[in-house]
């Protein structure tokens, strides 16, 4: 099976072939080579992409001078209806972490567009260990800039670490190798909202599932060239 996965990835094409794609594919190939029993499900559910992202983040580390700290949750005010792209394994982990909190006040008690995962009093994530890659990737040297962005004002400073693009690239190659219908992504906001509302996982994931174009749109949004 591992040889079949490697063969599929070798034939997979992701465009444009820029530095993001080359770096992400190199990391994905290295991760696959290191797994003795890698299977199609590891790519399909996003575990491969998640592991690539975590390895890239651990290898690169974070820049100094960050303003990020406990209780500063402006980055958890989710713009639009979607609120961020997550993989299947992340969606299931997030729902599992939040389901026991069904019926309790959520982030919307602090801010109407806040992530449902937030505790409205402490502004701390109640699913911290299960938080998806996008939540781990957002950084800022200026909390005031984050507050402005949360209001819809475009200001420089905050952004995502390169590991996030590695994660997206790995998932794009998984999709190219296995087919769009086999490699889903989901709305972070919809998954979290479904969990805290007490909706079953299957129902929540069905409602939160993206159309295939969302992955490419997110890759384009954060591309560094």
C-alpha atoms as a PDB file:
ATOM      1  CA  UNK A   1       0.000   0.000   0.000  1.00  0.00           C
ATOM      2  CA  UNK A   2       2.835   2.412   0.849  1.00  0.00           C
ATOM      3  CA  UNK A   3       4.307   2.001  -2.633  1.00  0.00           C
ATOM      4  CA  UNK A   4       0.906   2.722  -4.169  1.00  0.00           C
ATOM      5  CA  UNK A   5       0.602   5.930  -2.124  1.00  0.00           C
ATOM      6  CA  UNK A   6       4.062   7.040  -3.165  1.00  0.00           C
ATOM      7  CA  UNK A   7       3.267   6.301  -6.790  1.00  0.00           C
ATOM      8  CA  UNK A   8       0.059   8.326  -6.616  1.00  0.00           C
ATOM      9  CA  UNK A   9       1.837  11.255  -5.003  1.00  0.00           C
ATOM     10  CA  UNK A  10       4.602  11.087  -7.598  1.00  0.00           C
ATOM     11  CA  UNK A  11       1.991  11.525 -10.336  1.00  0.00           C
ATOM     12  CA  UNK A  12      -0.008  14.199  -8.496  1.00  0.00           C
ATOM     13  CA  UNK A  13       0.159  17.746  -9.822  1.00  0.00           C
ATOM     14  CA  UNK A  14      -0.506  20.917  -7.844  1.00  0.00           C
ATOM     15  CA  UNK A  15      -0.249  24.338  -9.435  1.00  0.00           C
ATOM     16  CA  UNK A  16       1.282  26.851  -9.578  1.00  0.00           C
ATOM     17  CA  UNK A  17       4.660  25.196  -9.076  1.00  0.00           C
ATOM     18  CA  UNK A  18       6.055  27.921  -6.828  1.00  0.00           C
ATOM     19  CA  UNK A  19       8.276  27.759  -3.769  1.00  0.00           C
ATOM     20  CA  UNK A  20       5.298  26.951  -1.528  1.00  0.00           C
ATOM     21  CA  UNK A  21       4.434  23.904  -3.605  1.00  0.00           C
ATOM     22  CA  UNK A  22       7.998  22.647  -3.919  1.00  0.00           C
ATOM     23  CA  UNK A  23       8.649  22.994  -0.197  1.00  0.00           C
ATOM     24  CA  UNK A  24       5.323  21.463   0.853  1.00  0.00           C
ATOM     25  CA  UNK A  25       5.716  18.499  -1.499  1.00  0.00           C
ATOM     26  CA  UNK A  26       9.251  17.855  -0.244  1.00  0.00           C
ATOM     27  CA  UNK A  27       8.007  17.784   3.344  1.00  0.00           C
ATOM     28  CA  UNK A  28       5.089  15.523   2.467  1.00  0.00           C
ATOM     29  CA  UNK A  29       7.331  13.060   0.609  1.00  0.00           C
ATOM     30  CA  UNK A  30       9.693  12.944   3.577  1.00  0.00           C
ATOM     31  CA  UNK A  31       6.809  12.292   5.969  1.00  0.00           C
ATOM     32  CA  UNK A  32       5.419   9.498   3.788  1.00  0.00           C
ATOM     33  CA  UNK A  33       8.874   7.916   3.459  1.00  0.00           C
ATOM     34  CA  UNK A  34       9.164   7.860   7.253  1.00  0.00           C
ATOM     35  CA  UNK A  35       5.870   5.972   7.735  1.00  0.00           C
ATOM     36  CA  UNK A  36       6.196   2.184   7.419  1.00  0.00           C
ATOM     37  CA  UNK A  37       2.447   1.614   7.092  1.00  0.00           C
ATOM     38  CA  UNK A  38       1.144   4.791   5.471  1.00  0.00           C
ATOM     39  CA  UNK A  39      -2.331   4.336   3.982  1.00  0.00           C
ATOM     40  CA  UNK A  40      -4.665   6.344   1.776  1.00  0.00           C
ATOM     41  CA  UNK A  41      -6.750   7.292   4.816  1.00  0.00           C
ATOM     42  CA  UNK A  42      -3.766   9.123   6.318  1.00  0.00           C
ATOM     43  CA  UNK A  43      -3.809  11.474   3.335  1.00  0.00           C
ATOM     44  CA  UNK A  44      -7.592  11.577   2.949  1.00  0.00           C
ATOM     45  CA  UNK A  45      -8.408  12.564   6.522  1.00  0.00           C
ATOM     46  CA  UNK A  46      -5.691  15.220   6.645  1.00  0.00           C
ATOM     47  CA  UNK A  47      -3.420  13.479   9.140  1.00  0.00           C
ATOM     48  CA  UNK A  48      -0.512  13.714   6.684  1.00  0.00           C
ATOM     49  CA  UNK A  49      -1.107  17.442   6.168  1.00  0.00           C
ATOM     50  CA  UNK A  50      -1.416  18.027   9.906  1.00  0.00           C
ATOM     51  CA  UNK A  51       1.807  16.166  10.643  1.00  0.00           C
ATOM     52  CA  UNK A  52       3.637  18.042   7.892  1.00  0.00           C
ATOM     53  CA  UNK A  53       2.442  21.332   9.354  1.00  0.00           C
ATOM     54  CA  UNK A  54       3.472  20.413  12.886  1.00  0.00           C
ATOM     55  CA  UNK A  55       6.909  19.231  11.765  1.00  0.00           C
ATOM     56  CA  UNK A  56       7.432  22.390   9.716  1.00  0.00           C
ATOM     57  CA  UNK A  57       6.412  24.554  12.664  1.00  0.00           C
ATOM     58  CA  UNK A  58       8.685  22.698  15.084  1.00  0.00           C
ATOM     59  CA  UNK A  59      11.586  22.906  12.640  1.00  0.00           C
ATOM     60  CA  UNK A  60      11.199  26.583  11.808  1.00  0.00           C
ATOM     61  CA  UNK A  61      10.070  27.776  15.224  1.00  0.00           C
ATOM     62  CA  UNK A  62       8.332  31.103  15.773  1.00  0.00           C
ATOM     63  CA  UNK A  63       9.790  34.580  15.328  1.00  0.00           C
ATOM     64  CA  UNK A  64      10.544  36.686  18.372  1.00  0.00           C
ATOM     65  CA  UNK A  65       8.675  39.778  19.510  1.00  0.00           C
ATOM     66  CA  UNK A  66       5.178  38.313  19.280  1.00  0.00           C
ATOM     67  CA  UNK A  67       2.301  39.953  21.126  1.00  0.00           C
ATOM     68  CA  UNK A  68       0.344  36.692  21.392  1.00  0.00           C
ATOM     69  CA  UNK A  69      -0.653  35.820  24.976  1.00  0.00           C
ATOM     70  CA  UNK A  70      -3.361  34.118  26.989  1.00  0.00           C
ATOM     71  CA  UNK A  71      -6.692  35.909  26.868  1.00  0.00           C
ATOM     72  CA  UNK A  72      -5.857  37.959  23.773  1.00  0.00           C
ATOM     73  CA  UNK A  73      -8.414  36.476  21.429  1.00  0.00           C
ATOM     74  CA  UNK A  74      -8.852  38.997  18.622  1.00  0.00           C
ATOM     75  CA  UNK A  75      -7.560  36.373  16.180  1.00  0.00           C
ATOM     76  CA  UNK A  76     -10.471  34.178  17.319  1.00  0.00           C
ATOM     77  CA  UNK A  77     -13.024  36.659  15.976  1.00  0.00           C
ATOM     78  CA  UNK A  78     -13.855  34.811  12.785  1.00  0.00           C
ATOM     79  CA  UNK A  79     -14.527  36.788   9.651  1.00  0.00           C
ATOM     80  CA  UNK A  80     -17.341  35.739   7.347  1.00  0.00           C
ATOM     81  CA  UNK A  81     -19.471  32.651   7.713  1.00  0.00           C
ATOM     82  CA  UNK A  82     -16.652  30.143   7.308  1.00  0.00           C
ATOM     83  CA  UNK A  83     -14.111  31.093   9.929  1.00  0.00           C
ATOM     84  CA  UNK A  84     -11.243  28.993   8.626  1.00  0.00           C
ATOM     85  CA  UNK A  85     -10.439  25.793   6.773  1.00  0.00           C
ATOM     86  CA  UNK A  86      -9.767  22.522   8.625  1.00  0.00           C
ATOM     87  CA  UNK A  87      -9.272  18.891   7.620  1.00  0.00           C
ATOM     88  CA  UNK A  88     -11.373  15.872   8.499  1.00  0.00           C
ATOM     89  CA  UNK A  89      -9.150  14.711  11.348  1.00  0.00           C
ATOM     90  CA  UNK A  90      -9.093  18.227  12.783  1.00  0.00           C
ATOM     91  CA  UNK A  91     -12.853  18.588  12.455  1.00  0.00           C
ATOM     92  CA  UNK A  92     -13.480  15.319  14.280  1.00  0.00           C
ATOM     93  CA  UNK A  93     -10.995  16.193  17.000  1.00  0.00           C
ATOM     94  CA  UNK A  94     -12.524  19.635  17.482  1.00  0.00           C
ATOM     95  CA  UNK A  95     -16.069  18.264  17.683  1.00  0.00           C
ATOM     96  CA  UNK A  96     -15.005  15.604  20.187  1.00  0.00           C
ATOM     97  CA  UNK A  97     -13.298  18.205  22.383  1.00  0.00           C
ATOM     98  CA  UNK A  98     -16.262  20.600  22.371  1.00  0.00           C
ATOM     99  CA  UNK A  99     -19.196  18.172  22.522  1.00  0.00           C
ATOM    100  CA  UNK A 100     -19.069  17.854  26.354  1.00  0.00           C
ATOM    101  CA  UNK A 101     -19.613  21.634  26.541  1.00  0.00           C
ATOM    102  CA  UNK A 102     -22.913  21.535  24.649  1.00  0.00           C
ATOM    103  CA  UNK A 103     -25.380  24.079  25.965  1.00  0.00           C
ATOM    104  CA  UNK A 104     -22.806  26.193  27.808  1.00  0.00           C
ATOM    105  CA  UNK A 105     -22.160  29.845  26.843  1.00  0.00           C
ATOM    106  CA  UNK A 106     -19.676  30.104  24.001  1.00  0.00           C
ATOM    107  CA  UNK A 107     -17.490  32.765  22.426  1.00  0.00           C
ATOM    108  CA  UNK A 108     -20.470  34.634  21.023  1.00  0.00           C
ATOM    109  CA  UNK A 109     -21.274  35.823  24.552  1.00  0.00           C
ATOM    110  CA  UNK A 110     -18.092  37.909  24.327  1.00  0.00           C
ATOM    111  CA  UNK A 111     -18.249  38.895  20.659  1.00  0.00           C
ATOM    112  CA  UNK A 112     -20.942  37.883  18.131  1.00  0.00           C
ATOM    113  CA  UNK A 113     -18.349  36.627  15.636  1.00  0.00           C
ATOM    114  CA  UNK A 114     -16.021  34.926  18.111  1.00  0.00           C
ATOM    115  CA  UNK A 115     -15.142  31.270  17.674  1.00  0.00           C
ATOM    116  CA  UNK A 116     -17.615  29.057  19.570  1.00  0.00           C
ATOM    117  CA  UNK A 117     -14.607  27.301  21.126  1.00  0.00           C
ATOM    118  CA  UNK A 118     -13.828  30.328  23.304  1.00  0.00           C
ATOM    119  CA  UNK A 119     -14.742  30.648  26.947  1.00  0.00           C
ATOM    120  CA  UNK A 120     -16.512  34.049  26.904  1.00  0.00           C
ATOM    121  CA  UNK A 121     -15.233  35.023  30.343  1.00  0.00           C
ATOM    122  CA  UNK A 122     -11.555  34.110  30.072  1.00  0.00           C
ATOM    123  CA  UNK A 123     -11.284  34.344  26.259  1.00  0.00           C
ATOM    124  CA  UNK A 124      -9.357  31.087  26.407  1.00  0.00           C
ATOM    125  CA  UNK A 125      -9.816  28.248  23.935  1.00  0.00           C
ATOM    126  CA  UNK A 126     -11.725  25.342  25.449  1.00  0.00           C
ATOM    127  CA  UNK A 127     -10.389  22.978  22.800  1.00  0.00           C
ATOM    128  CA  UNK A 128      -6.775  24.135  22.932  1.00  0.00           C
ATOM    129  CA  UNK A 129      -5.122  20.740  22.532  1.00  0.00           C
ATOM    130  CA  UNK A 130      -7.400  19.933  19.580  1.00  0.00           C
ATOM    131  CA  UNK A 131      -7.091  23.315  17.882  1.00  0.00           C
ATOM    132  CA  UNK A 132      -6.544  23.045  14.107  1.00  0.00           C
ATOM    133  CA  UNK A 133      -3.465  24.149  12.198  1.00  0.00           C
ATOM    134  CA  UNK A 134      -4.917  27.551  11.289  1.00  0.00           C
ATOM    135  CA  UNK A 135      -5.289  28.373  14.987  1.00  0.00           C
ATOM    136  CA  UNK A 136      -1.677  27.368  15.673  1.00  0.00           C
ATOM    137  CA  UNK A 137      -0.363  29.355  12.716  1.00  0.00           C
ATOM    138  CA  UNK A 138      -1.705  32.862  13.245  1.00  0.00           C
ATOM    139  CA  UNK A 139       0.835  35.204  14.840  1.00  0.00           C
ATOM    140  CA  UNK A 140       1.214  38.929  15.403  1.00  0.00           C
ATOM    141  CA  UNK A 141       3.741  41.394  16.796  1.00  0.00           C
ATOM    142  CA  UNK A 142       0.956  43.874  17.584  1.00  0.00           C
ATOM    143  CA  UNK A 143      -2.263  43.107  19.468  1.00  0.00           C
ATOM    144  CA  UNK A 144      -3.731  46.463  18.451  1.00  0.00           C
ATOM    145  CA  UNK A 145      -3.352  45.459  14.814  1.00  0.00           C
ATOM    146  CA  UNK A 146      -5.206  42.228  15.528  1.00  0.00           C
ATOM    147  CA  UNK A 147      -8.034  44.208  17.081  1.00  0.00           C
ATOM    148  CA  UNK A 148      -8.240  46.407  14.003  1.00  0.00           C
ATOM    149  CA  UNK A 149      -8.335  43.391  11.715  1.00  0.00           C
ATOM    150  CA  UNK A 150     -11.103  41.883  13.833  1.00  0.00           C
ATOM    151  CA  UNK A 151     -13.100  45.049  13.052  1.00  0.00           C
ATOM    152  CA  UNK A 152     -12.564  44.554   9.322  1.00  0.00           C
ATOM    153  CA  UNK A 153      -9.749  47.074   8.941  1.00  0.00           C
ATOM    154  CA  UNK A 154      -6.767  45.936   6.875  1.00  0.00           C
ATOM    155  CA  UNK A 155      -3.520  46.742   8.700  1.00  0.00           C
ATOM    156  CA  UNK A 156      -0.028  45.251   8.384  1.00  0.00           C
ATOM    157  CA  UNK A 157       1.658  43.002  10.918  1.00  0.00           C
ATOM    158  CA  UNK A 158      -0.403  39.897  11.720  1.00  0.00           C
ATOM    159  CA  UNK A 159      -0.229  36.832   9.498  1.00  0.00           C
ATOM    160  CA  UNK A 160       0.374  33.088   9.360  1.00  0.00           C
ATOM    161  CA  UNK A 161       3.645  31.205   9.692  1.00  0.00           C
ATOM    162  CA  UNK A 162       5.035  29.419   6.590  1.00  0.00           C
ATOM    163  CA  UNK A 163       4.158  26.046   8.142  1.00  0.00           C
ATOM    164  CA  UNK A 164       0.510  26.783   7.378  1.00  0.00           C
ATOM    165  CA  UNK A 165       1.209  26.927   3.648  1.00  0.00           C
ATOM    166  CA  UNK A 166       3.132  23.644   3.966  1.00  0.00           C
ATOM    167  CA  UNK A 167       0.044  22.103   5.559  1.00  0.00           C
ATOM    168  CA  UNK A 168      -2.243  23.396   2.808  1.00  0.00           C
ATOM    169  CA  UNK A 169       0.143  22.208   0.095  1.00  0.00           C
ATOM    170  CA  UNK A 170       0.353  18.736   1.604  1.00  0.00           C
ATOM    171  CA  UNK A 171      -3.435  18.501   1.665  1.00  0.00           C
ATOM    172  CA  UNK A 172      -3.636  19.746  -1.919  1.00  0.00           C
ATOM    173  CA  UNK A 173      -1.271  16.978  -3.031  1.00  0.00           C
ATOM    174  CA  UNK A 174      -3.316  14.433  -1.102  1.00  0.00           C
ATOM    175  CA  UNK A 175      -6.398  15.638  -2.951  1.00  0.00           C
ATOM    176  CA  UNK A 176      -4.612  15.540  -6.306  1.00  0.00           C
ATOM    177  CA  UNK A 177      -3.520  11.971  -5.593  1.00  0.00           C
ATOM    178  CA  UNK A 178      -6.809  10.605  -4.248  1.00  0.00           C
ATOM    179  CA  UNK A 179      -9.498  12.820  -5.811  1.00  0.00           C
ATOM    180  CA  UNK A 180     -11.461  15.800  -4.443  1.00  0.00           C
ATOM    181  CA  UNK A 181     -14.375  13.787  -3.075  1.00  0.00           C
ATOM    182  CA  UNK A 182     -12.019  11.661  -0.971  1.00  0.00           C
ATOM    183  CA  UNK A 183     -10.078  14.515   0.650  1.00  0.00           C
ATOM    184  CA  UNK A 184     -12.525  16.951   2.283  1.00  0.00           C
ATOM    185  CA  UNK A 185     -12.125  20.199   4.176  1.00  0.00           C
ATOM    186  CA  UNK A 186     -14.561  21.827   6.585  1.00  0.00           C
ATOM    187  CA  UNK A 187     -15.543  25.171   8.062  1.00  0.00           C
ATOM    188  CA  UNK A 188     -13.929  25.591  11.485  1.00  0.00           C
ATOM    189  CA  UNK A 189     -16.734  27.873  12.627  1.00  0.00           C
ATOM    190  CA  UNK A 190     -19.496  25.498  11.547  1.00  0.00           C
ATOM    191  CA  UNK A 191     -17.873  22.499  13.219  1.00  0.00           C
ATOM    192  CA  UNK A 192     -17.349  24.331  16.500  1.00  0.00           C
ATOM    193  CA  UNK A 193     -20.864  25.776  16.420  1.00  0.00           C
ATOM    194  CA  UNK A 194     -22.407  22.374  15.741  1.00  0.00           C
ATOM    195  CA  UNK A 195     -20.528  20.807  18.645  1.00  0.00           C
ATOM    196  CA  UNK A 196     -21.470  23.429  21.236  1.00  0.00           C
ATOM    197  CA  UNK A 197     -25.067  23.318  20.001  1.00  0.00           C
ATOM    198  CA  UNK A 198     -25.141  19.591  20.776  1.00  0.00           C
ATOM    199  CA  UNK A 199     -25.521  18.386  17.200  1.00  0.00           C
ATOM    200  CA  UNK A 200     -24.125  14.914  16.412  1.00  0.00           C
ATOM    201  CA  UNK A 201     -20.770  14.718  14.682  1.00  0.00           C
ATOM    202  CA  UNK A 202     -22.066  13.214  11.440  1.00  0.00           C
ATOM    203  CA  UNK A 203     -24.722  15.907  11.104  1.00  0.00           C
ATOM    204  CA  UNK A 204     -22.248  18.649  11.967  1.00  0.00           C
ATOM    205  CA  UNK A 205     -19.623  17.491   9.471  1.00  0.00           C
ATOM    206  CA  UNK A 206     -22.179  17.091   6.720  1.00  0.00           C
ATOM    207  CA  UNK A 207     -23.329  20.691   7.170  1.00  0.00           C
ATOM    208  CA  UNK A 208     -19.785  22.056   7.552  1.00  0.00           C
ATOM    209  CA  UNK A 209     -18.188  20.327   4.563  1.00  0.00           C
ATOM    210  CA  UNK A 210     -16.644  22.665   2.002  1.00  0.00           C
ATOM    211  CA  UNK A 211     -16.948  22.630  -1.736  1.00  0.00           C
ATOM    212  CA  UNK A 212     -13.607  21.596  -3.318  1.00  0.00           C
ATOM    213  CA  UNK A 213     -12.779  25.144  -4.445  1.00  0.00           C
ATOM    214  CA  UNK A 214     -12.290  26.318  -0.847  1.00  0.00           C
ATOM    215  CA  UNK A 215      -8.909  24.614  -0.485  1.00  0.00           C
ATOM    216  CA  UNK A 216      -7.542  26.299  -3.592  1.00  0.00           C
ATOM    217  CA  UNK A 217      -8.968  29.641  -2.509  1.00  0.00           C
ATOM    218  CA  UNK A 218      -7.220  29.361   0.862  1.00  0.00           C
ATOM    219  CA  UNK A 219      -3.940  28.349  -0.767  1.00  0.00           C
ATOM    220  CA  UNK A 220      -4.136  31.386  -3.017  1.00  0.00           C
ATOM    221  CA  UNK A 221      -4.958  33.680  -0.101  1.00  0.00           C
ATOM    222  CA  UNK A 222      -1.838  32.777   1.870  1.00  0.00           C
ATOM    223  CA  UNK A 223       0.575  32.022  -0.970  1.00  0.00           C
ATOM    224  CA  UNK A 224       4.026  33.517  -0.539  1.00  0.00           C
ATOM    225  CA  UNK A 225       5.171  32.713  -4.096  1.00  0.00           C
END
